[in-house]
């Protein structure tokens, strides 16, 4: 894991999108797929 923070920008009025993104990311982080993606896209 990188230990670095990343973000996704959404407009203030897109509250539903923000909730969906946060829920999806939380689910992904609980799975093994999260580590696979970090290694694939953020490792040197």
Protein backbone atom coordinates (compact mmCIF):
# COMPACT_ATOMS: atom_id res chain seq x y z
CA UNK A 1 0.00 0.00 0.00
CA UNK A 2 1.28 3.42 -0.87
CA UNK A 3 0.21 5.27 2.28
CA UNK A 4 -0.57 8.27 0.08
CA UNK A 5 -3.98 9.87 -0.12
CA UNK A 6 -5.81 10.15 -3.43
CA UNK A 7 -9.07 11.86 -4.21
CA UNK A 8 -11.87 12.14 -6.71
CA UNK A 9 -13.39 15.56 -7.31
CA UNK A 10 -17.15 15.92 -7.61
CA UNK A 11 -19.30 19.03 -7.67
CA UNK A 12 -20.91 20.03 -4.36
CA UNK A 13 -24.37 19.47 -5.82
CA UNK A 14 -23.48 15.88 -6.82
CA UNK A 15 -24.15 14.53 -3.32
CA UNK A 16 -25.59 11.22 -4.55
CA UNK A 17 -22.54 10.61 -6.73
CA UNK A 18 -20.26 11.31 -3.76
CA UNK A 19 -22.13 8.76 -1.64
CA UNK A 20 -21.97 6.14 -4.41
CA UNK A 21 -18.25 6.70 -4.95
CA UNK A 22 -17.47 6.51 -1.23
CA UNK A 23 -19.50 3.32 -0.82
CA UNK A 24 -17.90 1.74 -3.88
CA UNK A 25 -14.38 2.62 -2.76
CA UNK A 26 -15.05 1.30 0.75
CA UNK A 27 -16.26 -2.02 -0.72
CA UNK A 28 -13.28 -2.21 -3.04
CA UNK A 29 -10.83 -1.57 -0.19
CA UNK A 30 -12.27 -4.55 1.70
CA UNK A 31 -11.59 -6.85 -1.25
CA UNK A 32 -8.31 -8.22 -2.60
CA UNK A 33 -8.92 -6.28 -5.81
CA UNK A 34 -7.84 -3.03 -4.11
CA UNK A 35 -4.30 -4.29 -3.53
CA UNK A 36 -4.16 -5.64 -7.09
CA UNK A 37 -5.10 -2.21 -8.48
CA UNK A 38 -2.59 -0.38 -6.27
CA UNK A 39 0.19 -2.71 -7.40
CA UNK A 40 -0.83 -2.49 -11.06
CA UNK A 41 -1.19 1.28 -11.30
CA UNK A 42 0.91 2.79 -8.51
CA UNK A 43 3.96 0.58 -7.99
CA UNK A 44 7.26 1.41 -9.62
